[in-house]
Amino acid sequence: MSDTLSVLTVNASARRDGSVTRKLVDGIVADLGATKQIKLVERDVAQGLPIIDEVWVGANFTDPAERSDAQRQTLALSDELVAELKAADVLVIGVPVYNFGVPAALKAWIDLVTRARETFHYTEDGPVGLLEGKKAVVVMASGGVPVGSPVDFATGYLRHILGFIGIKDVEIVAADRLAAGGDEVVRNAEAAAKVAAQALAA
């Protein structure tokens, strides 16, 4: 990495006031900015992103040189999101657990950036991620779901999909079981977020 860290944040919480994940993501960025020069790109997906459909799939699987203007327009947002991800050294994702999994808006972002020939490619030995060398922090908050438990379908999925596109250095900062732990859970998560920021800056 260069002296300047390119940081991409992806926030998916439907809440703005009182959002634990947003607060923790902001804390990581602030801690990074206090020790490193950073170039920050913020992507808020909470208002929703287009769901991929038959038209999008057709455009995506058309050879880039053969795409029509309409197909290029169909893929324009996806291209923008992929470019943000490719440019980032560090990815920080704020993910509240909704109904045991990731928010629909975050799943839509994943579908738009997980693209053959762009963020992974197929080989004789199977798919290979193209985004190696990046680091990611997943900031997870839940009301009752323990991180890493059999009913946590969020963090394991995110580890897998990030690894699939080549991002294997993934740290989980968990503010889980907030309904039971409240302020103490948040304090512990803030401490873990500071450690994660230090590791990103190292």
N, C-alpha and C. Protein backbone atom coordinates (compact mmCIF):
# COMPACT_ATOMS: atom_id res chain seq x y z
N MET A 1 0.83 -1.19 0.00
CA MET A 1 0.00 0.00 0.00
C MET A 1 0.87 1.26 0.00
N SER A 2 0.36 2.38 -0.56
CA SER A 2 1.08 3.64 -0.55
C SER A 2 0.92 4.31 0.81
N ASP A 3 1.53 5.49 0.95
CA ASP A 3 1.40 6.22 2.21
C ASP A 3 -0.03 6.66 2.46
N THR A 4 -0.78 6.85 1.39
CA THR A 4 -2.20 7.21 1.52
C THR A 4 -3.05 5.95 1.39
N LEU A 5 -3.91 5.74 2.39
CA LEU A 5 -4.83 4.60 2.35
C LEU A 5 -6.12 5.01 1.67
N SER A 6 -6.53 4.27 0.68
CA SER A 6 -7.84 4.46 0.08
C SER A 6 -8.84 3.62 0.86
N VAL A 7 -9.81 4.29 1.45
CA VAL A 7 -10.77 3.62 2.34
C VAL A 7 -12.17 3.75 1.74
N LEU A 8 -12.84 2.62 1.61
CA LEU A 8 -14.24 2.58 1.18
C LEU A 8 -15.10 2.11 2.33
N THR A 9 -16.06 2.92 2.73
CA THR A 9 -17.03 2.48 3.74
C THR A 9 -18.35 2.17 3.05
N VAL A 10 -18.98 1.10 3.51
CA VAL A 10 -20.30 0.71 3.01
C VAL A 10 -21.21 0.57 4.22
N ASN A 11 -22.14 1.49 4.36
CA ASN A 11 -23.09 1.44 5.47
C ASN A 11 -24.44 0.94 5.00
N ALA A 12 -25.00 -0.01 5.76
CA ALA A 12 -26.26 -0.62 5.35
C ALA A 12 -27.37 -0.48 6.38
N SER A 13 -27.09 0.19 7.49
CA SER A 13 -28.12 0.31 8.52
C SER A 13 -29.25 1.22 8.06
N ALA A 14 -30.47 0.78 8.25
CA ALA A 14 -31.63 1.60 7.93
C ALA A 14 -31.73 2.79 8.88
N ARG A 15 -31.09 2.68 10.03
CA ARG A 15 -31.11 3.76 11.02
C ARG A 15 -29.94 4.70 10.78
N ARG A 16 -30.17 5.98 11.04
CA ARG A 16 -29.08 6.94 11.04
C ARG A 16 -28.84 7.43 12.46
N ASP A 17 -29.84 7.98 13.09
CA ASP A 17 -29.72 8.35 14.50
C ASP A 17 -29.69 7.08 15.35
N GLY A 18 -28.67 6.95 16.15
CA GLY A 18 -28.59 5.81 17.06
C GLY A 18 -28.08 4.53 16.46
N SER A 19 -27.59 4.56 15.23
CA SER A 19 -27.07 3.34 14.61
C SER A 19 -25.72 2.98 15.20
N VAL A 20 -25.62 1.79 15.75
CA VAL A 20 -24.36 1.33 16.34
C VAL A 20 -23.32 1.08 15.25
N THR A 21 -23.74 0.46 14.15
CA THR A 21 -22.76 0.16 13.10
C THR A 21 -22.21 1.44 12.49
N ARG A 22 -23.04 2.43 12.26
CA ARG A 22 -22.56 3.69 11.69
C ARG A 22 -21.57 4.37 12.64
N LYS A 23 -21.87 4.34 13.92
CA LYS A 23 -20.98 4.94 14.91
C LYS A 23 -19.62 4.24 14.91
N LEU A 24 -19.63 2.93 14.86
CA LEU A 24 -18.38 2.18 14.88
C LEU A 24 -17.59 2.37 13.58
N VAL A 25 -18.27 2.40 12.45
CA VAL A 25 -17.60 2.65 11.17
C VAL A 25 -16.94 4.04 11.21
N ASP A 26 -17.67 5.04 11.69
CA ASP A 26 -17.11 6.39 11.78
C ASP A 26 -15.90 6.41 12.70
N GLY A 27 -15.95 5.64 13.78
CA GLY A 27 -14.82 5.59 14.71
C GLY A 27 -13.58 5.00 14.07
N ILE A 28 -13.76 3.95 13.30
CA ILE A 28 -12.62 3.33 12.61
C ILE A 28 -12.00 4.32 11.63
N VAL A 29 -12.85 5.02 10.88
CA VAL A 29 -12.34 5.99 9.91
C VAL A 29 -11.60 7.12 10.62
N ALA A 30 -12.16 7.60 11.74
CA ALA A 30 -11.51 8.67 12.49
C ALA A 30 -10.16 8.22 13.04
N ASP A 31 -10.10 7.01 13.57
CA ASP A 31 -8.84 6.50 14.11
C ASP A 31 -7.80 6.32 13.00
N LEU A 32 -8.25 5.85 11.86
CA LEU A 32 -7.33 5.71 10.72
C LEU A 32 -6.82 7.08 10.28
N GLY A 33 -7.72 8.05 10.21
CA GLY A 33 -7.34 9.38 9.77
C GLY A 33 -6.42 10.09 10.73
N ALA A 34 -6.43 9.65 12.00
CA ALA A 34 -5.55 10.26 12.99
C ALA A 34 -4.11 9.78 12.86
N THR A 35 -3.91 8.66 12.20
CA THR A 35 -2.56 8.08 12.10
C THR A 35 -2.06 7.96 10.66
N LYS A 36 -2.97 8.01 9.70
CA LYS A 36 -2.59 7.85 8.30
C LYS A 36 -3.29 8.90 7.46
N GLN A 37 -2.70 9.21 6.33
CA GLN A 37 -3.40 10.01 5.35
C GLN A 37 -4.35 9.07 4.60
N ILE A 38 -5.63 9.43 4.55
CA ILE A 38 -6.60 8.55 3.92
C ILE A 38 -7.36 9.28 2.82
N LYS A 39 -7.76 8.52 1.84
CA LYS A 39 -8.68 8.99 0.80
C LYS A 39 -9.97 8.21 1.01
N LEU A 40 -11.01 8.91 1.43
CA LEU A 40 -12.24 8.25 1.87
C LEU A 40 -13.33 8.34 0.81
N VAL A 41 -13.93 7.19 0.52
CA VAL A 41 -15.14 7.11 -0.30
C VAL A 41 -16.22 6.46 0.55
N GLU A 42 -17.35 7.12 0.67
CA GLU A 42 -18.44 6.62 1.50
C GLU A 42 -19.60 6.19 0.61
N ARG A 43 -20.04 4.97 0.80
CA ARG A 43 -21.17 4.44 0.03
C ARG A 43 -22.25 4.02 1.02
N ASP A 44 -23.36 4.73 1.00
CA ASP A 44 -24.50 4.42 1.87
C ASP A 44 -25.55 3.70 1.03
N VAL A 45 -25.77 2.43 1.32
CA VAL A 45 -26.71 1.64 0.51
C VAL A 45 -28.08 1.50 1.16
N ALA A 46 -28.27 2.17 2.30
CA ALA A 46 -29.48 1.92 3.09
C ALA A 46 -30.77 2.27 2.36
N GLN A 47 -30.71 3.23 1.44
CA GLN A 47 -31.92 3.60 0.71
C GLN A 47 -32.27 2.59 -0.38
N GLY A 48 -31.39 1.62 -0.57
CA GLY A 48 -31.67 0.56 -1.53
C GLY A 48 -30.92 0.74 -2.83
N LEU A 49 -30.62 -0.36 -3.47
CA LEU A 49 -29.98 -0.39 -4.77
C LEU A 49 -30.82 -1.24 -5.70
N PRO A 50 -30.66 -1.06 -7.01
CA PRO A 50 -31.44 -1.89 -7.94
C PRO A 50 -31.12 -3.38 -7.75
N ILE A 51 -32.15 -4.18 -7.85
CA ILE A 51 -31.99 -5.63 -7.81
C ILE A 51 -31.64 -6.10 -9.22
N ILE A 52 -30.66 -6.99 -9.33
CA ILE A 52 -30.30 -7.47 -10.66
C ILE A 52 -31.48 -8.26 -11.25
N ASP A 53 -31.68 -8.08 -12.55
CA ASP A 53 -32.79 -8.73 -13.23
C ASP A 53 -32.29 -9.35 -14.54
N GLU A 54 -33.20 -9.83 -15.35
CA GLU A 54 -32.82 -10.52 -16.58
C GLU A 54 -32.06 -9.60 -17.53
N VAL A 55 -32.45 -8.35 -17.59
CA VAL A 55 -31.77 -7.39 -18.47
C VAL A 55 -30.34 -7.18 -18.00
N TRP A 56 -30.18 -7.02 -16.68
CA TRP A 56 -28.84 -6.82 -16.12
C TRP A 56 -27.96 -8.04 -16.38
N VAL A 57 -28.49 -9.22 -16.12
CA VAL A 57 -27.72 -10.45 -16.32
C VAL A 57 -27.31 -10.59 -17.78
N GLY A 58 -28.22 -10.28 -18.69
CA GLY A 58 -27.89 -10.35 -20.11
C GLY A 58 -26.77 -9.39 -20.48
N ALA A 59 -26.82 -8.18 -19.94
CA ALA A 59 -25.77 -7.19 -20.22
C ALA A 59 -24.44 -7.63 -19.62
N ASN A 60 -24.49 -8.16 -18.41
CA ASN A 60 -23.26 -8.57 -17.73
C ASN A 60 -22.55 -9.70 -18.47
N PHE A 61 -23.32 -10.62 -19.04
CA PHE A 61 -22.71 -11.76 -19.72
C PHE A 61 -22.46 -11.53 -21.21
N THR A 62 -22.73 -10.33 -21.66
CA THR A 62 -22.35 -9.95 -23.03
C THR A 62 -20.91 -9.46 -23.02
N ASP A 63 -20.12 -9.90 -24.00
CA ASP A 63 -18.74 -9.43 -24.08
C ASP A 63 -18.72 -7.90 -24.07
N PRO A 64 -17.83 -7.29 -23.23
CA PRO A 64 -17.81 -5.83 -23.13
C PRO A 64 -17.72 -5.12 -24.48
N ALA A 65 -16.96 -5.69 -25.40
CA ALA A 65 -16.81 -5.06 -26.72
C ALA A 65 -18.09 -5.12 -27.54
N GLU A 66 -19.00 -6.01 -27.16
CA GLU A 66 -20.23 -6.22 -27.94
C GLU A 66 -21.45 -5.56 -27.31
N ARG A 67 -21.27 -4.92 -26.16
CA ARG A 67 -22.43 -4.36 -25.47
C ARG A 67 -23.00 -3.15 -26.19
N SER A 68 -24.31 -3.09 -26.16
CA SER A 68 -24.99 -1.93 -26.73
C SER A 68 -24.93 -0.76 -25.75
N ASP A 69 -25.30 0.43 -26.21
CA ASP A 69 -25.34 1.59 -25.31
C ASP A 69 -26.31 1.33 -24.16
N ALA A 70 -27.42 0.68 -24.47
CA ALA A 70 -28.41 0.39 -23.43
C ALA A 70 -27.83 -0.58 -22.39
N GLN A 71 -27.08 -1.57 -22.83
CA GLN A 71 -26.47 -2.51 -21.90
C GLN A 71 -25.41 -1.84 -21.04
N ARG A 72 -24.63 -0.95 -21.65
CA ARG A 72 -23.63 -0.22 -20.86
C ARG A 72 -24.29 0.66 -19.81
N GLN A 73 -25.42 1.24 -20.17
CA GLN A 73 -26.15 2.06 -19.20
C GLN A 73 -26.71 1.19 -18.08
N THR A 74 -27.18 0.00 -18.44
CA THR A 74 -27.70 -0.93 -17.43
C THR A 74 -26.63 -1.28 -16.40
N LEU A 75 -25.39 -1.39 -16.85
CA LEU A 75 -24.29 -1.79 -15.96
C LEU A 75 -23.56 -0.60 -15.34
N ALA A 76 -24.00 0.63 -15.63
CA ALA A 76 -23.25 1.82 -15.21
C ALA A 76 -23.08 1.89 -13.69
N LEU A 77 -24.14 1.67 -12.94
CA LEU A 77 -24.03 1.74 -11.48
C LEU A 77 -23.13 0.63 -10.96
N SER A 78 -23.30 -0.56 -11.48
CA SER A 78 -22.44 -1.67 -11.08
C SER A 78 -20.98 -1.36 -11.37
N ASP A 79 -20.71 -0.80 -12.55
CA ASP A 79 -19.33 -0.43 -12.89
C ASP A 79 -18.77 0.58 -11.89
N GLU A 80 -19.60 1.53 -11.48
CA GLU A 80 -19.18 2.54 -10.51
C GLU A 80 -18.85 1.90 -9.17
N LEU A 81 -19.70 0.99 -8.72
CA LEU A 81 -19.48 0.32 -7.44
C LEU A 81 -18.24 -0.56 -7.50
N VAL A 82 -18.05 -1.26 -8.61
CA VAL A 82 -16.87 -2.11 -8.78
C VAL A 82 -15.60 -1.25 -8.77
N ALA A 83 -15.64 -0.11 -9.44
CA ALA A 83 -14.48 0.78 -9.48
C ALA A 83 -14.12 1.28 -8.09
N GLU A 84 -15.12 1.60 -7.28
CA GLU A 84 -14.86 2.03 -5.90
C GLU A 84 -14.16 0.92 -5.12
N LEU A 85 -14.63 -0.29 -5.30
CA LEU A 85 -14.07 -1.42 -4.58
C LEU A 85 -12.65 -1.72 -5.05
N LYS A 86 -12.42 -1.68 -6.34
CA LYS A 86 -11.09 -1.93 -6.88
C LYS A 86 -10.08 -0.89 -6.38
N ALA A 87 -10.52 0.36 -6.25
CA ALA A 87 -9.62 1.44 -5.86
C ALA A 87 -9.27 1.42 -4.37
N ALA A 88 -10.06 0.71 -3.58
CA ALA A 88 -9.88 0.74 -2.12
C ALA A 88 -8.75 -0.18 -1.66
N ASP A 89 -7.97 0.31 -0.72
CA ASP A 89 -7.03 -0.54 0.01
C ASP A 89 -7.74 -1.22 1.16
N VAL A 90 -8.68 -0.48 1.75
CA VAL A 90 -9.38 -0.93 2.96
C VAL A 90 -10.88 -0.79 2.74
N LEU A 91 -11.61 -1.81 3.12
CA LEU A 91 -13.08 -1.82 3.03
C LEU A 91 -13.64 -1.97 4.44
N VAL A 92 -14.53 -1.06 4.82
CA VAL A 92 -15.18 -1.13 6.14
C VAL A 92 -16.69 -1.21 5.90
N ILE A 93 -17.28 -2.32 6.30
CA ILE A 93 -18.71 -2.55 6.06
C ILE A 93 -19.46 -2.51 7.38
N GLY A 94 -20.48 -1.67 7.46
CA GLY A 94 -21.35 -1.64 8.63
C GLY A 94 -22.60 -2.45 8.36
N VAL A 95 -22.77 -3.54 9.11
CA VAL A 95 -23.86 -4.47 8.79
C VAL A 95 -24.67 -4.82 10.05
N PRO A 96 -25.85 -4.23 10.20
CA PRO A 96 -26.76 -4.71 11.23
C PRO A 96 -27.36 -6.04 10.78
N VAL A 97 -27.61 -6.90 11.72
CA VAL A 97 -28.22 -8.19 11.40
C VAL A 97 -29.74 -8.02 11.39
N TYR A 98 -30.33 -8.27 10.24
CA TYR A 98 -31.79 -8.23 10.11
C TYR A 98 -32.28 -9.64 9.83
N ASN A 99 -33.10 -10.14 10.74
CA ASN A 99 -33.68 -11.48 10.55
C ASN A 99 -32.60 -12.53 10.29
N PHE A 100 -31.54 -12.45 11.08
CA PHE A 100 -30.43 -13.42 11.08
C PHE A 100 -29.46 -13.27 9.91
N GLY A 101 -29.67 -12.34 9.02
CA GLY A 101 -28.79 -12.19 7.87
C GLY A 101 -28.46 -10.74 7.58
N VAL A 102 -27.89 -10.50 6.39
CA VAL A 102 -27.51 -9.14 6.01
C VAL A 102 -28.74 -8.39 5.48
N PRO A 103 -28.76 -7.07 5.60
CA PRO A 103 -29.87 -6.30 5.03
C PRO A 103 -29.97 -6.50 3.52
N ALA A 104 -31.18 -6.42 2.99
CA ALA A 104 -31.40 -6.61 1.56
C ALA A 104 -30.57 -5.63 0.73
N ALA A 105 -30.42 -4.39 1.23
CA ALA A 105 -29.66 -3.39 0.48
C ALA A 105 -28.19 -3.80 0.35
N LEU A 106 -27.64 -4.42 1.38
CA LEU A 106 -26.25 -4.86 1.31
C LEU A 106 -26.12 -6.05 0.37
N LYS A 107 -27.11 -6.95 0.38
CA LYS A 107 -27.10 -8.07 -0.56
C LYS A 107 -27.16 -7.56 -2.01
N ALA A 108 -27.92 -6.49 -2.24
CA ALA A 108 -27.98 -5.92 -3.58
C ALA A 108 -26.62 -5.37 -4.00
N TRP A 109 -25.91 -4.72 -3.05
CA TRP A 109 -24.56 -4.22 -3.34
C TRP A 109 -23.63 -5.38 -3.69
N ILE A 110 -23.70 -6.45 -2.90
CA ILE A 110 -22.88 -7.63 -3.17
C ILE A 110 -23.14 -8.18 -4.56
N ASP A 111 -24.41 -8.28 -4.93
CA ASP A 111 -24.74 -8.80 -6.27
C ASP A 111 -24.20 -7.90 -7.38
N LEU A 112 -24.14 -6.61 -7.13
CA LEU A 112 -23.68 -5.67 -8.14
C LEU A 112 -22.15 -5.62 -8.27
N VAL A 113 -21.44 -6.04 -7.23
CA VAL A 113 -19.97 -5.99 -7.30
C VAL A 113 -19.32 -7.35 -7.50
N THR A 114 -20.07 -8.43 -7.33
CA THR A 114 -19.51 -9.77 -7.50
C THR A 114 -19.75 -10.20 -8.94
N ARG A 115 -18.79 -9.86 -9.80
CA ARG A 115 -18.98 -10.03 -11.25
C ARG A 115 -17.80 -10.76 -11.87
N ALA A 116 -18.14 -11.80 -12.64
CA ALA A 116 -17.10 -12.52 -13.39
C ALA A 116 -16.39 -11.55 -14.32
N ARG A 117 -15.05 -11.73 -14.40
CA ARG A 117 -14.15 -10.92 -15.21
C ARG A 117 -13.84 -9.56 -14.59
N GLU A 118 -14.59 -9.18 -13.56
CA GLU A 118 -14.35 -7.90 -12.90
C GLU A 118 -13.75 -8.07 -11.51
N THR A 119 -14.41 -8.87 -10.67
CA THR A 119 -13.90 -9.08 -9.31
C THR A 119 -13.54 -10.54 -9.03
N PHE A 120 -13.87 -11.43 -9.97
CA PHE A 120 -13.38 -12.81 -9.92
C PHE A 120 -13.37 -13.35 -11.33
N HIS A 121 -12.65 -14.44 -11.54
CA HIS A 121 -12.70 -15.09 -12.85
C HIS A 121 -12.61 -16.60 -12.68
N TYR A 122 -13.06 -17.29 -13.69
CA TYR A 122 -13.08 -18.75 -13.65
C TYR A 122 -11.78 -19.30 -14.24
N THR A 123 -11.26 -20.36 -13.61
CA THR A 123 -10.09 -21.06 -14.12
C THR A 123 -10.41 -22.55 -14.17
N GLU A 124 -9.47 -23.33 -14.66
CA GLU A 124 -9.66 -24.78 -14.69
C GLU A 124 -9.81 -25.35 -13.29
N ASP A 125 -9.26 -24.64 -12.31
CA ASP A 125 -9.34 -25.11 -10.92
C ASP A 125 -10.47 -24.45 -10.13
N GLY A 126 -11.31 -23.71 -10.83
CA GLY A 126 -12.43 -23.06 -10.16
C GLY A 126 -12.28 -21.55 -10.14
N PRO A 127 -13.22 -20.84 -9.50
CA PRO A 127 -13.18 -19.38 -9.48
C PRO A 127 -12.03 -18.85 -8.63
N VAL A 128 -11.46 -17.73 -9.06
CA VAL A 128 -10.36 -17.07 -8.35
C VAL A 128 -10.72 -15.60 -8.20
N GLY A 129 -10.58 -15.08 -6.97
CA GLY A 129 -10.85 -13.67 -6.72
C GLY A 129 -9.77 -12.78 -7.31
N LEU A 130 -10.17 -11.60 -7.74
CA LEU A 130 -9.25 -10.67 -8.39
C LEU A 130 -8.88 -9.48 -7.51
N LEU A 131 -9.38 -9.44 -6.27
CA LEU A 131 -9.15 -8.28 -5.42
C LEU A 131 -8.22 -8.60 -4.25
N GLU A 132 -7.18 -9.35 -4.53
CA GLU A 132 -6.24 -9.73 -3.48
C GLU A 132 -5.47 -8.52 -2.98
N GLY A 133 -4.97 -8.64 -1.74
CA GLY A 133 -4.14 -7.59 -1.17
C GLY A 133 -4.89 -6.51 -0.41
N LYS A 134 -6.21 -6.59 -0.38
CA LYS A 134 -7.01 -5.62 0.35
C LYS A 134 -7.34 -6.14 1.74
N LYS A 135 -7.68 -5.21 2.62
CA LYS A 135 -8.12 -5.57 3.97
C LYS A 135 -9.57 -5.13 4.15
N ALA A 136 -10.29 -5.87 4.98
CA ALA A 136 -11.68 -5.51 5.25
C ALA A 136 -11.99 -5.66 6.72
N VAL A 137 -12.84 -4.78 7.20
CA VAL A 137 -13.41 -4.90 8.55
C VAL A 137 -14.92 -4.94 8.40
N VAL A 138 -15.52 -5.94 8.97
CA VAL A 138 -16.98 -6.05 8.99
C VAL A 138 -17.45 -5.69 10.39
N VAL A 139 -18.19 -4.59 10.49
CA VAL A 139 -18.73 -4.13 11.77
C VAL A 139 -20.16 -4.65 11.86
N MET A 140 -20.39 -5.58 12.77
CA MET A 140 -21.67 -6.25 12.87
C MET A 140 -22.37 -5.88 14.17
N ALA A 141 -23.65 -5.57 14.09
CA ALA A 141 -24.45 -5.32 15.29
C ALA A 141 -25.71 -6.17 15.23
N SER A 142 -26.08 -6.70 16.39
CA SER A 142 -27.31 -7.50 16.45
C SER A 142 -28.01 -7.27 17.77
N GLY A 143 -29.31 -7.45 17.75
CA GLY A 143 -30.06 -7.36 18.99
C GLY A 143 -29.90 -8.59 19.85
N GLY A 144 -29.88 -9.77 19.21
CA GLY A 144 -29.82 -11.00 19.99
C GLY A 144 -28.95 -12.09 19.40
N VAL A 145 -28.56 -11.96 18.14
CA VAL A 145 -27.80 -13.02 17.47
C VAL A 145 -26.33 -12.96 17.89
N PRO A 146 -25.78 -14.04 18.48
CA PRO A 146 -24.36 -14.05 18.82
C PRO A 146 -23.51 -14.24 17.56
N VAL A 147 -22.46 -13.43 17.42
CA VAL A 147 -21.60 -13.57 16.26
C VAL A 147 -20.95 -14.95 16.26
N GLY A 148 -20.92 -15.57 15.09
CA GLY A 148 -20.31 -16.89 14.97
C GLY A 148 -21.19 -18.04 15.40
N SER A 149 -22.41 -17.75 15.83
CA SER A 149 -23.30 -18.82 16.28
C SER A 149 -23.97 -19.47 15.08
N PRO A 150 -24.61 -20.63 15.28
CA PRO A 150 -25.29 -21.30 14.16
C PRO A 150 -26.37 -20.46 13.51
N VAL A 151 -26.89 -19.44 14.22
CA VAL A 151 -27.94 -18.61 13.62
C VAL A 151 -27.39 -17.26 13.12
N ASP A 152 -26.08 -17.11 13.11
CA ASP A 152 -25.46 -15.92 12.53
C ASP A 152 -25.18 -16.23 11.06
N PHE A 153 -26.09 -15.81 10.20
CA PHE A 153 -25.93 -16.04 8.77
C PHE A 153 -25.35 -14.81 8.06
N ALA A 154 -24.88 -13.85 8.84
CA ALA A 154 -24.35 -12.61 8.27
C ALA A 154 -22.83 -12.63 8.16
N THR A 155 -22.13 -12.83 9.27
CA THR A 155 -20.68 -12.67 9.23
C THR A 155 -19.99 -13.80 8.45
N GLY A 156 -20.49 -15.02 8.58
CA GLY A 156 -19.89 -16.12 7.81
C GLY A 156 -20.09 -15.91 6.32
N TYR A 157 -21.27 -15.45 5.95
CA TYR A 157 -21.54 -15.18 4.54
C TYR A 157 -20.62 -14.09 4.01
N LEU A 158 -20.45 -13.01 4.79
CA LEU A 158 -19.60 -11.91 4.33
C LEU A 158 -18.14 -12.34 4.23
N ARG A 159 -17.67 -13.12 5.18
CA ARG A 159 -16.31 -13.66 5.07
C ARG A 159 -16.15 -14.46 3.77
N HIS A 160 -17.16 -15.28 3.49
CA HIS A 160 -17.08 -16.14 2.31
C HIS A 160 -17.10 -15.33 1.03
N ILE A 161 -18.04 -14.39 0.91
CA ILE A 161 -18.17 -13.65 -0.34
C ILE A 161 -16.98 -12.72 -0.56
N LEU A 162 -16.46 -12.14 0.52
CA LEU A 162 -15.27 -11.30 0.37
C LEU A 162 -14.07 -12.16 -0.05
N GLY A 163 -13.93 -13.33 0.55
CA GLY A 163 -12.86 -14.23 0.15
C GLY A 163 -13.01 -14.69 -1.28
N PHE A 164 -14.25 -14.87 -1.71
CA PHE A 164 -14.52 -15.31 -3.08
C PHE A 164 -14.00 -14.31 -4.10
N ILE A 165 -14.07 -13.02 -3.78
CA ILE A 165 -13.56 -12.00 -4.71
C ILE A 165 -12.12 -11.61 -4.39
N GLY A 166 -11.49 -12.35 -3.46
CA GLY A 166 -10.06 -12.18 -3.22
C GLY A 166 -9.69 -11.45 -1.95
N ILE A 167 -10.67 -10.97 -1.18
CA ILE A 167 -10.38 -10.23 0.05
C ILE A 167 -10.43 -11.21 1.22
N LYS A 168 -9.27 -11.70 1.58
CA LYS A 168 -9.22 -12.76 2.59
C LYS A 168 -8.84 -12.25 3.97
N ASP A 169 -8.29 -11.04 4.04
CA ASP A 169 -7.91 -10.44 5.33
C ASP A 169 -9.12 -9.69 5.86
N VAL A 170 -9.96 -10.40 6.62
CA VAL A 170 -11.24 -9.85 7.09
C VAL A 170 -11.30 -9.91 8.61
N GLU A 171 -11.52 -8.77 9.24
CA GLU A 171 -11.66 -8.69 10.69
C GLU A 171 -13.13 -8.41 11.02
N ILE A 172 -13.66 -9.12 12.01
CA ILE A 172 -15.03 -8.90 12.46
C ILE A 172 -15.00 -8.11 13.76
N VAL A 173 -15.70 -6.97 13.77
CA VAL A 173 -15.91 -6.20 15.01
C VAL A 173 -17.37 -6.38 15.37
N ALA A 174 -17.62 -7.02 16.49
CA ALA A 174 -18.99 -7.43 16.83
C ALA A 174 -19.56 -6.63 17.98
N ALA A 175 -20.72 -6.04 17.74
CA ALA A 175 -21.54 -5.47 18.80
C ALA A 175 -22.81 -6.31 18.83
N ASP A 176 -22.65 -7.56 19.26
CA ASP A 176 -23.77 -8.49 19.19
C ASP A 176 -24.50 -8.60 20.52
N ARG A 177 -25.71 -9.06 20.45
CA ARG A 177 -26.59 -9.23 21.61
C ARG A 177 -26.78 -7.92 22.38
N LEU A 178 -27.04 -6.85 21.62
CA LEU A 178 -27.22 -5.53 22.23
C LEU A 178 -28.42 -5.49 23.17
N ALA A 179 -29.43 -6.29 22.89
CA ALA A 179 -30.62 -6.28 23.73
C ALA A 179 -30.30 -6.73 25.15
N ALA A 180 -29.28 -7.57 25.28
CA ALA A 180 -28.91 -8.07 26.61
C ALA A 180 -27.79 -7.25 27.24
N GLY A 181 -26.82 -6.82 26.40
CA GLY A 181 -25.63 -6.18 26.95
C GLY A 181 -25.60 -4.68 26.92
N GLY A 182 -26.34 -4.06 26.01
CA GLY A 182 -26.46 -2.62 25.95
C GLY A 182 -25.14 -1.88 25.85
N ASP A 183 -24.95 -0.92 26.75
CA ASP A 183 -23.79 -0.03 26.70
C ASP A 183 -22.47 -0.78 26.81
N GLU A 184 -22.44 -1.83 27.60
CA GLU A 184 -21.19 -2.58 27.75
C GLU A 184 -20.78 -3.23 26.43
N VAL A 185 -21.74 -3.75 25.68
CA VAL A 185 -21.45 -4.34 24.37
C VAL A 185 -20.87 -3.28 23.44
N VAL A 186 -21.45 -2.09 23.45
CA VAL A 186 -20.96 -1.01 22.59
C VAL A 186 -19.55 -0.61 22.99
N ARG A 187 -19.30 -0.49 24.29
CA ARG A 187 -17.94 -0.12 24.74
C ARG A 187 -16.92 -1.17 24.30
N ASN A 188 -17.26 -2.43 24.44
CA ASN A 188 -16.34 -3.50 24.02
C ASN A 188 -16.11 -3.46 22.51
N ALA A 189 -17.17 -3.18 21.76
CA ALA A 189 -17.04 -3.09 20.31
C ALA A 189 -16.19 -1.89 19.91
N GLU A 190 -16.34 -0.78 20.61
CA GLU A 190 -15.52 0.40 20.32
C GLU A 190 -14.04 0.11 20.57
N ALA A 191 -13.75 -0.64 21.63
CA ALA A 191 -12.36 -1.02 21.89
C ALA A 191 -11.84 -1.94 20.78
N ALA A 192 -12.66 -2.89 20.36
CA ALA A 192 -12.25 -3.79 19.28
C ALA A 192 -12.06 -3.02 17.97
N ALA A 193 -12.90 -2.01 17.74
CA ALA A 193 -12.78 -1.20 16.53
C ALA A 193 -11.47 -0.42 16.51
N LYS A 194 -11.05 0.07 17.67
CA LYS A 194 -9.77 0.78 17.75
C LYS A 194 -8.61 -0.15 17.41
N VAL A 195 -8.68 -1.38 17.92
CA VAL A 195 -7.63 -2.37 17.60
C VAL A 195 -7.63 -2.67 16.11
N ALA A 196 -8.82 -2.80 15.53
CA ALA A 196 -8.92 -3.06 14.09
C ALA A 196 -8.33 -1.92 13.28
N ALA A 197 -8.60 -0.68 13.70
CA ALA A 197 -8.06 0.49 13.00
C ALA A 197 -6.53 0.52 13.08
N GLN A 198 -6.00 0.17 14.24
CA GLN A 198 -4.54 0.11 14.40
C GLN A 198 -3.92 -0.91 13.45
N ALA A 199 -4.59 -2.05 13.31
CA ALA A 199 -4.09 -3.10 12.42
C ALA A 199 -4.14 -2.64 10.96
N LEU A 200 -5.19 -1.91 10.61
CA LEU A 200 -5.31 -1.41 9.23
C LEU A 200 -4.22 -0.40 8.93
N ALA A 201 -3.85 0.38 9.92
CA ALA A 201 -2.86 1.44 9.72
C ALA A 201 -1.43 0.92 9.73
N ALA A 202 -1.25 -0.29 10.25
CA ALA A 202 0.12 -0.84 10.41
C ALA A 202 0.77 -1.13 9.06
